[in-house]
PDB file of N, CA and C in Angstrom:
ATOM      1  N   UNK A   1       0.846  -1.197   0.000  1.00  0.00           N
ATOM      2  CA  UNK A   1       0.000   0.000   0.000  1.00  0.00           C
ATOM      3  C   UNK A   1       0.882   1.248   0.000  1.00  0.00           C
ATOM      4  N   UNK A   2       0.338   2.311  -0.472  1.00  0.00           N
ATOM      5  CA  UNK A   2       1.081   3.565  -0.552  1.00  0.00           C
ATOM      6  C   UNK A   2       1.251   4.134   0.853  1.00  0.00           C
ATOM      7  N   UNK A   3       2.441   4.583   1.141  1.00  0.00           N
ATOM      8  CA  UNK A   3       2.709   5.236   2.411  1.00  0.00           C
ATOM      9  C   UNK A   3       1.813   6.463   2.518  1.00  0.00           C
ATOM     10  N   UNK A   4       1.020   6.538   3.596  1.00  0.00           N
ATOM     11  CA  UNK A   4       0.038   7.621   3.728  1.00  0.00           C
ATOM     12  C   UNK A   4       0.696   8.999   3.737  1.00  0.00           C
ATOM     13  N   UNK A   5       1.905   9.088   4.229  1.00  0.00           N
ATOM     14  CA  UNK A   5       2.589  10.379   4.254  1.00  0.00           C
ATOM     15  C   UNK A   5       2.940  10.805   2.832  1.00  0.00           C
ATOM     16  N   UNK A   6       3.378   9.872   2.002  1.00  0.00           N
ATOM     17  CA  UNK A   6       3.791  10.207   0.644  1.00  0.00           C
ATOM     18  C   UNK A   6       2.647  10.719  -0.210  1.00  0.00           C
ATOM     19  N   UNK A   7       1.585   9.930  -0.352  1.00  0.00           N
ATOM     20  CA  UNK A   7       0.526  10.322  -1.275  1.00  0.00           C
ATOM     21  C   UNK A   7      -0.244  11.545  -0.789  1.00  0.00           C
ATOM     22  N   UNK A   8      -0.553  11.590   0.476  1.00  0.00           N
ATOM     23  CA  UNK A   8      -1.313  12.721   1.027  1.00  0.00           C
ATOM     24  C   UNK A   8      -0.486  14.009   0.996  1.00  0.00           C
ATOM     25  N   UNK A   9       0.755  13.943   1.453  1.00  0.00           N
ATOM     26  CA  UNK A   9       1.613  15.127   1.443  1.00  0.00           C
ATOM     27  C   UNK A   9       1.936  15.586   0.034  1.00  0.00           C
ATOM     28  N   UNK A  10       2.112  14.642  -0.878  1.00  0.00           N
ATOM     29  CA  UNK A  10       2.380  14.972  -2.269  1.00  0.00           C
ATOM     30  C   UNK A  10       1.225  15.783  -2.849  1.00  0.00           C
ATOM     31  N   UNK A  11       0.001  15.315  -2.623  1.00  0.00           N
ATOM     32  CA  UNK A  11      -1.179  16.029  -3.111  1.00  0.00           C
ATOM     33  C   UNK A  11      -1.292  17.410  -2.475  1.00  0.00           C
ATOM     34  N   UNK A  12      -1.116  17.496  -1.168  1.00  0.00           N
ATOM     35  CA  UNK A  12      -1.203  18.789  -0.486  1.00  0.00           C
ATOM     36  C   UNK A  12      -0.163  19.768  -1.021  1.00  0.00           C
ATOM     37  N   UNK A  13       1.055  19.304  -1.250  1.00  0.00           N
ATOM     38  CA  UNK A  13       2.118  20.171  -1.752  1.00  0.00           C
ATOM     39  C   UNK A  13       1.781  20.717  -3.133  1.00  0.00           C
ATOM     40  N   UNK A  14       1.307  19.850  -4.015  1.00  0.00           N
ATOM     41  CA  UNK A  14       0.951  20.289  -5.369  1.00  0.00           C
ATOM     42  C   UNK A  14      -0.165  21.323  -5.323  1.00  0.00           C
ATOM     43  N   UNK A  15      -1.229  21.003  -4.610  1.00  0.00           N
ATOM     44  CA  UNK A  15      -2.410  21.873  -4.602  1.00  0.00           C
ATOM     45  C   UNK A  15      -2.116  23.195  -3.912  1.00  0.00           C
ATOM     46  N   UNK A  16      -1.381  23.168  -2.814  1.00  0.00           N
ATOM     47  CA  UNK A  16      -1.053  24.423  -2.117  1.00  0.00           C
ATOM     48  C   UNK A  16      -0.230  25.360  -2.994  1.00  0.00           C
ATOM     49  N   UNK A  17       0.512  24.797  -3.924  1.00  0.00           N
ATOM     50  CA  UNK A  17       1.331  25.644  -4.788  1.00  0.00           C
ATOM     51  C   UNK A  17       0.535  26.284  -5.919  1.00  0.00           C
ATOM     52  N   UNK A  18      -0.682  25.835  -6.190  1.00  0.00           N
ATOM     53  CA  UNK A  18      -1.454  26.410  -7.295  1.00  0.00           C
ATOM     54  C   UNK A  18      -2.685  27.205  -6.843  1.00  0.00           C
ATOM     55  N   UNK A  19      -3.000  27.204  -5.552  1.00  0.00           N
ATOM     56  CA  UNK A  19      -4.180  27.936  -5.083  1.00  0.00           C
ATOM     57  C   UNK A  19      -3.783  29.274  -4.465  1.00  0.00           C
ATOM     58  N   UNK A  20      -4.755  30.173  -4.369  1.00  0.00           N
ATOM     59  CA  UNK A  20      -4.520  31.483  -3.773  1.00  0.00           C
ATOM     60  C   UNK A  20      -4.576  31.429  -2.244  1.00  0.00           C
ATOM     61  N   UNK A  21      -5.324  30.467  -1.705  1.00  0.00           N
ATOM     62  CA  UNK A  21      -5.475  30.331  -0.251  1.00  0.00           C
ATOM     63  C   UNK A  21      -5.006  28.946   0.197  1.00  0.00           C
ATOM     64  N   UNK A  22      -3.686  28.770   0.347  1.00  0.00           N
ATOM     65  CA  UNK A  22      -3.167  27.437   0.701  1.00  0.00           C
ATOM     66  C   UNK A  22      -3.636  26.941   2.066  1.00  0.00           C
ATOM     67  N   UNK A  23      -4.010  27.855   2.951  1.00  0.00           N
ATOM     68  CA  UNK A  23      -4.492  27.433   4.269  1.00  0.00           C
ATOM     69  C   UNK A  23      -5.848  26.742   4.178  1.00  0.00           C
ATOM     70  N   UNK A  24      -6.544  26.894   3.060  1.00  0.00           N
ATOM     71  CA  UNK A  24      -7.851  26.265   2.867  1.00  0.00           C
ATOM     72  C   UNK A  24      -7.780  24.870   2.284  1.00  0.00           C
ATOM     73  N   UNK A  25      -6.578  24.353   2.067  1.00  0.00           N
ATOM     74  CA  UNK A  25      -6.403  23.026   1.473  1.00  0.00           C
ATOM     75  C   UNK A  25      -6.380  21.965   2.570  1.00  0.00           C
ATOM     76  N   UNK A  26      -7.208  20.938   2.395  1.00  0.00           N
ATOM     77  CA  UNK A  26      -7.154  19.788   3.302  1.00  0.00           C
ATOM     78  C   UNK A  26      -7.394  18.522   2.493  1.00  0.00           C
ATOM     79  N   UNK A  27      -6.775  17.443   2.933  1.00  0.00           N
ATOM     80  CA  UNK A  27      -6.888  16.160   2.245  1.00  0.00           C
ATOM     81  C   UNK A  27      -7.261  15.101   3.276  1.00  0.00           C
ATOM     82  N   UNK A  28      -8.297  14.345   2.960  1.00  0.00           N
ATOM     83  CA  UNK A  28      -8.689  13.205   3.787  1.00  0.00           C
ATOM     84  C   UNK A  28      -8.324  11.945   3.025  1.00  0.00           C
ATOM     85  N   UNK A  29      -7.796  10.967   3.738  1.00  0.00           N
ATOM     86  CA  UNK A  29      -7.337   9.726   3.099  1.00  0.00           C
ATOM     87  C   UNK A  29      -8.105   8.547   3.665  1.00  0.00           C
ATOM     88  N   UNK A  30      -8.631   7.716   2.773  1.00  0.00           N
ATOM     89  CA  UNK A  30      -9.296   6.491   3.210  1.00  0.00           C
ATOM     90  C   UNK A  30      -8.826   5.346   2.333  1.00  0.00           C
ATOM     91  N   UNK A  31      -8.799   4.153   2.920  1.00  0.00           N
ATOM     92  CA  UNK A  31      -8.346   2.956   2.215  1.00  0.00           C
ATOM     93  C   UNK A  31      -9.447   1.913   2.301  1.00  0.00           C
ATOM     94  N   UNK A  32      -9.773   1.304   1.155  1.00  0.00           N
ATOM     95  CA  UNK A  32     -10.727   0.203   1.129  1.00  0.00           C
ATOM     96  C   UNK A  32     -10.276  -0.818   0.100  1.00  0.00           C
ATOM     97  N   UNK A  33     -11.157  -1.750  -0.250  1.00  0.00           N
ATOM     98  CA  UNK A  33     -10.780  -2.799  -1.197  1.00  0.00           C
ATOM     99  C   UNK A  33     -10.493  -2.262  -2.597  1.00  0.00           C
ATOM    100  N   UNK A  34     -10.951  -1.036  -2.900  1.00  0.00           N
ATOM    101  CA  UNK A  34     -10.703  -0.420  -4.204  1.00  0.00           C
ATOM    102  C   UNK A  34      -9.367   0.302  -4.259  1.00  0.00           C
ATOM    103  N   UNK A  35      -8.723   0.501  -3.121  1.00  0.00           N
ATOM    104  CA  UNK A  35      -7.440   1.198  -3.070  1.00  0.00           C
ATOM    105  C   UNK A  35      -7.506   2.401  -2.148  1.00  0.00           C
ATOM    106  N   UNK A  36      -6.724   3.422  -2.474  1.00  0.00           N
ATOM    107  CA  UNK A  36      -6.638   4.629  -1.666  1.00  0.00           C
ATOM    108  C   UNK A  36      -7.510   5.707  -2.310  1.00  0.00           C
ATOM    109  N   UNK A  37      -8.317   6.367  -1.500  1.00  0.00           N
ATOM    110  CA  UNK A  37      -9.122   7.489  -1.980  1.00  0.00           C
ATOM    111  C   UNK A  37      -8.685   8.732  -1.223  1.00  0.00           C
ATOM    112  N   UNK A  38      -8.217   9.725  -1.970  1.00  0.00           N
ATOM    113  CA  UNK A  38      -7.856  11.010  -1.395  1.00  0.00           C
ATOM    114  C   UNK A  38      -8.964  11.996  -1.735  1.00  0.00           C
ATOM    115  N   UNK A  39      -9.566  12.594  -0.706  1.00  0.00           N
ATOM    116  CA  UNK A  39     -10.617  13.584  -0.910  1.00  0.00           C
ATOM    117  C   UNK A  39     -10.022  14.947  -0.647  1.00  0.00           C
ATOM    118  N   UNK A  40     -10.014  15.778  -1.684  1.00  0.00           N
ATOM    119  CA  UNK A  40      -9.403  17.099  -1.623  1.00  0.00           C
ATOM    120  C   UNK A  40     -10.467  18.154  -1.381  1.00  0.00           C
ATOM    121  N   UNK A  41     -10.232  19.002  -0.396  1.00  0.00           N
ATOM    122  CA  UNK A  41     -11.112  20.136  -0.126  1.00  0.00           C
ATOM    123  C   UNK A  41     -10.285  21.403  -0.224  1.00  0.00           C
ATOM    124  N   UNK A  42     -10.802  22.377  -0.976  1.00  0.00           N
ATOM    125  CA  UNK A  42     -10.134  23.670  -1.124  1.00  0.00           C
ATOM    126  C   UNK A  42     -11.161  24.770  -0.911  1.00  0.00           C
ATOM    127  N   UNK A  43     -10.667  25.996  -0.734  1.00  0.00           N
ATOM    128  CA  UNK A  43     -11.541  27.147  -0.635  1.00  0.00           C
ATOM    129  C   UNK A  43     -12.361  27.238  -1.924  1.00  0.00           C
ATOM    130  N   UNK A  44     -13.671  27.524  -1.818  1.00  0.00           N
ATOM    131  CA  UNK A  44     -14.507  27.595  -3.033  1.00  0.00           C
ATOM    132  C   UNK A  44     -13.964  28.540  -4.104  1.00  0.00           C
ATOM    133  N   UNK A  45     -13.280  29.595  -3.704  1.00  0.00           N
ATOM    134  CA  UNK A  45     -12.711  30.533  -4.675  1.00  0.00           C
ATOM    135  C   UNK A  45     -11.560  29.924  -5.467  1.00  0.00           C
ATOM    136  N   UNK A  46     -10.953  28.861  -4.938  1.00  0.00           N
ATOM    137  CA  UNK A  46      -9.819  28.216  -5.596  1.00  0.00           C
ATOM    138  C   UNK A  46     -10.213  27.023  -6.464  1.00  0.00           C
ATOM    139  N   UNK A  47     -11.494  26.701  -6.521  1.00  0.00           N
ATOM    140  CA  UNK A  47     -11.932  25.539  -7.296  1.00  0.00           C
ATOM    141  C   UNK A  47     -11.509  25.652  -8.761  1.00  0.00           C
ATOM    142  N   UNK A  48     -11.603  26.829  -9.337  1.00  0.00           N
ATOM    143  CA  UNK A  48     -11.214  27.018 -10.735  1.00  0.00           C
ATOM    144  C   UNK A  48      -9.749  26.724 -10.972  1.00  0.00           C
ATOM    145  N   UNK A  49      -8.898  27.092 -10.018  1.00  0.00           N
ATOM    146  CA  UNK A  49      -7.463  26.821 -10.153  1.00  0.00           C
ATOM    147  C   UNK A  49      -7.167  25.326 -10.076  1.00  0.00           C
ATOM    148  N   UNK A  50      -7.906  24.627  -9.229  1.00  0.00           N
ATOM    149  CA  UNK A  50      -7.666  23.196  -9.052  1.00  0.00           C
ATOM    150  C   UNK A  50      -8.229  22.393 -10.222  1.00  0.00           C
ATOM    151  N   UNK A  51      -9.401  22.765 -10.707  1.00  0.00           N
ATOM    152  CA  UNK A  51     -10.022  22.038 -11.811  1.00  0.00           C
ATOM    153  C   UNK A  51      -9.340  22.387 -13.129  1.00  0.00           C
ATOM    154  N   UNK A  52      -9.095  23.671 -13.364  1.00  0.00           N
ATOM    155  CA  UNK A  52      -8.448  24.105 -14.597  1.00  0.00           C
ATOM    156  C   UNK A  52      -9.413  24.159 -15.761  1.00  0.00           C
ATOM    157  N   UNK A  53      -8.943  24.700 -16.842  1.00  0.00           N
ATOM    158  CA  UNK A  53      -9.764  24.804 -18.045  1.00  0.00           C
ATOM    159  C   UNK A  53     -10.055  23.406 -18.580  1.00  0.00           C
ATOM    160  N   UNK A  54     -11.343  23.124 -18.723  1.00  0.00           N
ATOM    161  CA  UNK A  54     -11.817  21.816 -19.192  1.00  0.00           C
ATOM    162  C   UNK A  54     -11.317  20.662 -18.333  1.00  0.00           C
ATOM    163  N   UNK A  55     -11.001  20.915 -17.079  1.00  0.00           N
ATOM    164  CA  UNK A  55     -10.575  19.857 -16.172  1.00  0.00           C
ATOM    165  C   UNK A  55      -9.150  19.386 -16.360  1.00  0.00           C
ATOM    166  N   UNK A  56      -8.357  20.151 -17.109  1.00  0.00           N
ATOM    167  CA  UNK A  56      -6.996  19.698 -17.422  1.00  0.00           C
ATOM    168  C   UNK A  56      -6.089  19.648 -16.200  1.00  0.00           C
ATOM    169  N   UNK A  57      -6.216  20.612 -15.299  1.00  0.00           N
ATOM    170  CA  UNK A  57      -5.360  20.606 -14.105  1.00  0.00           C
ATOM    171  C   UNK A  57      -5.715  19.431 -13.210  1.00  0.00           C
ATOM    172  N   UNK A  58      -7.008  19.207 -12.998  1.00  0.00           N
ATOM    173  CA  UNK A  58      -7.447  18.076 -12.173  1.00  0.00           C
ATOM    174  C   UNK A  58      -6.984  16.756 -12.779  1.00  0.00           C
ATOM    175  N   UNK A  59      -7.072  16.643 -14.088  1.00  0.00           N
ATOM    176  CA  UNK A  59      -6.631  15.409 -14.747  1.00  0.00           C
ATOM    177  C   UNK A  59      -5.129  15.211 -14.596  1.00  0.00           C
ATOM    178  N   UNK A  60      -4.361  16.288 -14.688  1.00  0.00           N
ATOM    179  CA  UNK A  60      -2.913  16.186 -14.513  1.00  0.00           C
ATOM    180  C   UNK A  60      -2.565  15.743 -13.088  1.00  0.00           C
ATOM    181  N   UNK A  61      -3.269  16.273 -12.107  1.00  0.00           N
ATOM    182  CA  UNK A  61      -3.038  15.869 -10.710  1.00  0.00           C
ATOM    183  C   UNK A  61      -3.367  14.393 -10.538  1.00  0.00           C
ATOM    184  N   UNK A  62      -4.468  13.950 -11.120  1.00  0.00           N
ATOM    185  CA  UNK A  62      -4.844  12.530 -11.033  1.00  0.00           C
ATOM    186  C   UNK A  62      -3.774  11.645 -11.673  1.00  0.00           C
ATOM    187  N   UNK A  63      -3.233  12.080 -12.797  1.00  0.00           N
ATOM    188  CA  UNK A  63      -2.190  11.304 -13.470  1.00  0.00           C
ATOM    189  C   UNK A  63      -0.954  11.185 -12.573  1.00  0.00           C
ATOM    190  N   UNK A  64      -0.558  12.288 -11.959  1.00  0.00           N
ATOM    191  CA  UNK A  64       0.596  12.239 -11.054  1.00  0.00           C
ATOM    192  C   UNK A  64       0.336  11.301  -9.873  1.00  0.00           C
ATOM    193  N   UNK A  65      -0.877  11.322  -9.331  1.00  0.00           N
ATOM    194  CA  UNK A  65      -1.206  10.428  -8.213  1.00  0.00           C
ATOM    195  C   UNK A  65      -1.201   8.964  -8.658  1.00  0.00           C
ATOM    196  N   UNK A  66      -1.619   8.699  -9.884  1.00  0.00           N
ATOM    197  CA  UNK A  66      -1.571   7.325 -10.384  1.00  0.00           C
ATOM    198  C   UNK A  66      -0.136   6.853 -10.516  1.00  0.00           C
ATOM    199  N   UNK A  67       0.768   7.744 -10.876  1.00  0.00           N
ATOM    200  CA  UNK A  67       2.183   7.391 -10.961  1.00  0.00           C
ATOM    201  C   UNK A  67       2.729   7.060  -9.580  1.00  0.00           C
ATOM    202  N   UNK A  68       2.372   7.880  -8.592  1.00  0.00           N
ATOM    203  CA  UNK A  68       2.792   7.601  -7.209  1.00  0.00           C
ATOM    204  C   UNK A  68       2.248   6.238  -6.786  1.00  0.00           C
ATOM    205  N   UNK A  69       0.993   5.972  -7.100  1.00  0.00           N
ATOM    206  CA  UNK A  69       0.397   4.687  -6.753  1.00  0.00           C
ATOM    207  C   UNK A  69       1.069   3.528  -7.474  1.00  0.00           C
ATOM    208  N   UNK A  70       1.360   3.710  -8.755  1.00  0.00           N
ATOM    209  CA  UNK A  70       2.001   2.643  -9.536  1.00  0.00           C
ATOM    210  C   UNK A  70       3.366   2.292  -8.970  1.00  0.00           C
ATOM    211  N   UNK A  71       4.098   3.289  -8.521  1.00  0.00           N
ATOM    212  CA  UNK A  71       5.419   3.037  -7.942  1.00  0.00           C
ATOM    213  C   UNK A  71       5.319   2.255  -6.643  1.00  0.00           C
ATOM    214  N   UNK A  72       4.151   2.321  -5.997  1.00  0.00           N
ATOM    215  CA  UNK A  72       3.965   1.649  -4.715  1.00  0.00           C
ATOM    216  C   UNK A  72       2.956   0.509  -4.794  1.00  0.00           C
ATOM    217  N   UNK A  73       2.665   0.051  -6.027  1.00  0.00           N
ATOM    218  CA  UNK A  73       1.745  -1.069  -6.247  1.00  0.00           C
ATOM    219  C   UNK A  73       0.389  -0.858  -5.585  1.00  0.00           C
ATOM    220  N   UNK A  74      -0.152   0.339  -5.738  1.00  0.00           N
ATOM    221  CA  UNK A  74      -1.459   0.649  -5.165  1.00  0.00           C
ATOM    222  C   UNK A  74      -2.250   1.500  -6.145  1.00  0.00           C
ATOM    223  N   UNK A  75      -3.537   1.505  -5.963  1.00  0.00           N
ATOM    224  CA  UNK A  75      -4.415   2.318  -6.796  1.00  0.00           C
ATOM    225  C   UNK A  75      -4.790   3.558  -5.991  1.00  0.00           C
ATOM    226  N   UNK A  76      -4.452   4.730  -6.499  1.00  0.00           N
ATOM    227  CA  UNK A  76      -4.739   5.981  -5.809  1.00  0.00           C
ATOM    228  C   UNK A  76      -5.730   6.773  -6.659  1.00  0.00           C
ATOM    229  N   UNK A  77      -6.861   7.136  -6.054  1.00  0.00           N
ATOM    230  CA  UNK A  77      -7.885   7.910  -6.735  1.00  0.00           C
ATOM    231  C   UNK A  77      -8.083   9.241  -6.022  1.00  0.00           C
ATOM    232  N   UNK A  78      -8.493  10.235  -6.784  1.00  0.00           N
ATOM    233  CA  UNK A  78      -8.707  11.575  -6.243  1.00  0.00           C
ATOM    234  C   UNK A  78     -10.159  11.977  -6.416  1.00  0.00           C
ATOM    235  N   UNK A  79     -10.746  12.443  -5.331  1.00  0.00           N
ATOM    236  CA  UNK A  79     -12.083  13.026  -5.367  1.00  0.00           C
ATOM    237  C   UNK A  79     -11.940  14.479  -4.933  1.00  0.00           C
ATOM    238  N   UNK A  80     -12.446  15.386  -5.766  1.00  0.00           N
ATOM    239  CA  UNK A  80     -12.391  16.803  -5.426  1.00  0.00           C
ATOM    240  C   UNK A  80     -13.748  17.195  -4.882  1.00  0.00           C
ATOM    241  N   UNK A  81     -13.785  17.554  -3.616  1.00  0.00           N
ATOM    242  CA  UNK A  81     -15.027  17.915  -2.951  1.00  0.00           C
ATOM    243  C   UNK A  81     -15.493  19.277  -3.449  1.00  0.00           C
ATOM    244  N   UNK A  82     -16.742  19.332  -3.909  1.00  0.00           N
ATOM    245  CA  UNK A  82     -17.327  20.585  -4.391  1.00  0.00           C
ATOM    246  C   UNK A  82     -18.431  20.996  -3.430  1.00  0.00           C
ATOM    247  N   UNK A  83     -18.221  22.047  -2.642  1.00  0.00           N
ATOM    248  CA  UNK A  83     -19.241  22.474  -1.672  1.00  0.00           C
ATOM    249  C   UNK A  83     -20.508  22.979  -2.352  1.00  0.00           C
ATOM    250  N   UNK A  84     -20.457  23.331  -3.625  1.00  0.00           N
ATOM    251  CA  UNK A  84     -21.622  23.838  -4.350  1.00  0.00           C
ATOM    252  C   UNK A  84     -22.437  22.727  -4.994  1.00  0.00           C
ATOM    253  N   UNK A  85     -21.959  21.502  -4.950  1.00  0.00           N
ATOM    254  CA  UNK A  85     -22.635  20.390  -5.605  1.00  0.00           C
ATOM    255  C   UNK A  85     -23.982  20.140  -4.935  1.00  0.00           C
ATOM    256  N   UNK A  86     -25.012  19.997  -5.735  1.00  0.00           N
ATOM    257  CA  UNK A  86     -26.333  19.691  -5.200  1.00  0.00           C
ATOM    258  C   UNK A  86     -27.144  20.908  -4.821  1.00  0.00           C
ATOM    259  N   UNK A  87     -26.565  22.097  -4.893  1.00  0.00           N
ATOM    260  CA  UNK A  87     -27.304  23.305  -4.568  1.00  0.00           C
ATOM    261  C   UNK A  87     -27.956  23.844  -5.820  1.00  0.00           C
ATOM    262  N   UNK A  88     -29.098  24.496  -5.647  1.00  0.00           N
ATOM    263  CA  UNK A  88     -29.801  25.098  -6.767  1.00  0.00           C
ATOM    264  C   UNK A  88     -29.048  26.325  -7.250  1.00  0.00           C
ATOM    265  N   UNK A  89     -29.599  26.973  -8.253  1.00  0.00           N
ATOM    266  CA  UNK A  89     -28.960  28.173  -8.768  1.00  0.00           C
ATOM    267  C   UNK A  89     -28.264  27.894 -10.068  1.00  0.00           C
ATOM    268  N   UNK A  90     -27.103  28.493 -10.238  1.00  0.00           N
ATOM    269  CA  UNK A  90     -26.408  28.369 -11.520  1.00  0.00           C
ATOM    270  C   UNK A  90     -25.864  26.959 -11.710  1.00  0.00           C
ATOM    271  N   UNK A  91     -25.813  26.568 -12.950  1.00  0.00           N
ATOM    272  CA  UNK A  91     -25.285  25.260 -13.299  1.00  0.00           C
ATOM    273  C   UNK A  91     -23.770  25.349 -13.326  1.00  0.00           C
ATOM    274  N   UNK A  92     -23.116  24.390 -12.697  1.00  0.00           N
ATOM    275  CA  UNK A  92     -21.663  24.403 -12.633  1.00  0.00           C
ATOM    276  C   UNK A  92     -21.110  23.102 -13.170  1.00  0.00           C
ATOM    277  N   UNK A  93     -20.128  23.189 -14.025  1.00  0.00           N
ATOM    278  CA  UNK A  93     -19.461  21.995 -14.543  1.00  0.00           C
ATOM    279  C   UNK A  93     -18.285  21.590 -13.678  1.00  0.00           C
ATOM    280  N   UNK A  94     -18.007  22.332 -12.624  1.00  0.00           N
ATOM    281  CA  UNK A  94     -16.829  22.073 -11.813  1.00  0.00           C
ATOM    282  C   UNK A  94     -16.898  20.739 -11.101  1.00  0.00           C
ATOM    283  N   UNK A  95     -18.096  20.234 -10.807  1.00  0.00           N
ATOM    284  CA  UNK A  95     -18.200  18.998 -10.046  1.00  0.00           C
ATOM    285  C   UNK A  95     -18.025  17.762 -10.915  1.00  0.00           C
ATOM    286  N   UNK A  96     -17.952  17.931 -12.237  1.00  0.00           N
ATOM    287  CA  UNK A  96     -17.784  16.791 -13.119  1.00  0.00           C
ATOM    288  C   UNK A  96     -16.378  16.240 -12.995  1.00  0.00           C
ATOM    289  N   UNK A  97     -16.297  14.927 -12.858  1.00  0.00           N
ATOM    290  CA  UNK A  97     -15.003  14.277 -12.792  1.00  0.00           C
ATOM    291  C   UNK A  97     -14.859  13.367 -13.994  1.00  0.00           C
ATOM    292  N   UNK A  98     -13.683  13.298 -14.531  1.00  0.00           N
ATOM    293  CA  UNK A  98     -13.416  12.404 -15.644  1.00  0.00           C
ATOM    294  C   UNK A  98     -12.942  11.091 -15.062  1.00  0.00           C
ATOM    295  N   UNK A  99     -13.677  10.016 -15.355  1.00  0.00           N
ATOM    296  CA  UNK A  99     -13.325   8.707 -14.839  1.00  0.00           C
ATOM    297  C   UNK A  99     -12.309   8.064 -15.765  1.00  0.00           C
ATOM    298  N   UNK A 100     -11.090   7.956 -15.289  1.00  0.00           N
ATOM    299  CA  UNK A 100     -10.037   7.325 -16.081  1.00  0.00           C
ATOM    300  C   UNK A 100      -9.541   6.057 -15.401  1.00  0.00           C
ATOM    301  N   UNK A 101     -10.369   5.497 -14.520  1.00  0.00           N
ATOM    302  CA  UNK A 101      -9.929   4.343 -13.746  1.00  0.00           C
ATOM    303  C   UNK A 101      -9.641   3.114 -14.608  1.00  0.00           C
ATOM    304  N   UNK A 102     -10.223   3.026 -15.803  1.00  0.00           N
ATOM    305  CA  UNK A 102      -9.980   1.881 -16.666  1.00  0.00           C
ATOM    306  C   UNK A 102      -8.827   2.091 -17.625  1.00  0.00           C
ATOM    307  N   UNK A 103      -8.270   3.292 -17.667  1.00  0.00           N
ATOM    308  CA  UNK A 103      -7.171   3.588 -18.568  1.00  0.00           C
ATOM    309  C   UNK A 103      -5.849   3.169 -17.948  1.00  0.00           C
ATOM    310  N   UNK A 104      -4.961   2.684 -18.782  1.00  0.00           N
ATOM    311  CA  UNK A 104      -3.611   2.373 -18.338  1.00  0.00           C
ATOM    312  C   UNK A 104      -2.770   3.636 -18.439  1.00  0.00           C
ATOM    313  N   UNK A 105      -1.969   3.902 -17.432  1.00  0.00           N
ATOM    314  CA  UNK A 105      -1.114   5.077 -17.421  1.00  0.00           C
ATOM    315  C   UNK A 105       0.298   4.648 -17.759  1.00  0.00           C
ATOM    316  N   UNK A 106       0.885   5.277 -18.762  1.00  0.00           N
ATOM    317  CA  UNK A 106       2.253   4.976 -19.157  1.00  0.00           C
ATOM    318  C   UNK A 106       3.196   5.725 -18.224  1.00  0.00           C
ATOM    319  N   UNK A 107       3.894   4.976 -17.381  1.00  0.00           N
ATOM    320  CA  UNK A 107       4.806   5.584 -16.413  1.00  0.00           C
ATOM    321  C   UNK A 107       6.268   5.392 -16.806  1.00  0.00           C
ATOM    322  N   UNK A 108       6.519   4.927 -18.015  1.00  0.00           N
ATOM    323  CA  UNK A 108       7.890   4.613 -18.420  1.00  0.00           C
ATOM    324  C   UNK A 108       8.796   5.837 -18.417  1.00  0.00           C
ATOM    325  N   UNK A 109       8.247   7.013 -18.676  1.00  0.00           N
ATOM    326  CA  UNK A 109       9.098   8.210 -18.749  1.00  0.00           C
ATOM    327  C   UNK A 109       9.470   8.754 -17.371  1.00  0.00           C
ATOM    328  N   UNK A 110       8.858   8.244 -16.327  1.00  0.00           N
ATOM    329  CA  UNK A 110       9.150   8.758 -14.986  1.00  0.00           C
ATOM    330  C   UNK A 110       9.529   7.631 -14.020  1.00  0.00           C
ATOM    331  N   UNK A 111      10.079   6.557 -14.532  1.00  0.00           N
ATOM    332  CA  UNK A 111      10.447   5.436 -13.685  1.00  0.00           C
ATOM    333  C   UNK A 111      11.439   5.815 -12.594  1.00  0.00           C
ATOM    334  N   UNK A 112      12.327   6.759 -12.871  1.00  0.00           N
ATOM    335  CA  UNK A 112      13.346   7.120 -11.891  1.00  0.00           C
ATOM    336  C   UNK A 112      12.928   8.260 -10.983  1.00  0.00           C
ATOM    337  N   UNK A 113      11.665   8.628 -11.003  1.00  0.00           N
ATOM    338  CA  UNK A 113      11.145   9.721 -10.182  1.00  0.00           C
ATOM    339  C   UNK A 113      11.223   9.368  -8.713  1.00  0.00           C
ATOM    340  N   UNK A 114      11.826  10.193  -7.934  1.00  0.00           N
ATOM    341  CA  UNK A 114      11.927   9.973  -6.479  1.00  0.00           C
ATOM    342  C   UNK A 114      11.047  10.992  -5.786  1.00  0.00           C
ATOM    343  N   UNK A 115      10.113  10.499  -5.007  1.00  0.00           N
ATOM    344  CA  UNK A 115       9.192  11.390  -4.289  1.00  0.00           C
ATOM    345  C   UNK A 115       9.386  11.200  -2.803  1.00  0.00           C
TER     346      UNK A 115
END
């Protein structure tokens, strides 16, 4: 299993470096038969920075976490908590997640990555 300090701290470090309010970043870690689930919570004003245009930033973070998991023979998934999800009002695409759990990630270019 992935060392809880590595995957959780890695995610916190990445996200804190791209948000305007790093003190609002928190990560909850849970482990079950499906692997490791990291739930990311950020200040609502920083959701755009974390998700990125068309979800590209969120997808890049997920790819990096899959590499960390692959190096440690574990499956690491990311859930981005959206405090606006389920509320009425304007329609938001921010809560949409791209499910790439069935895709194979090519980690050959980063085999020597030390985290």
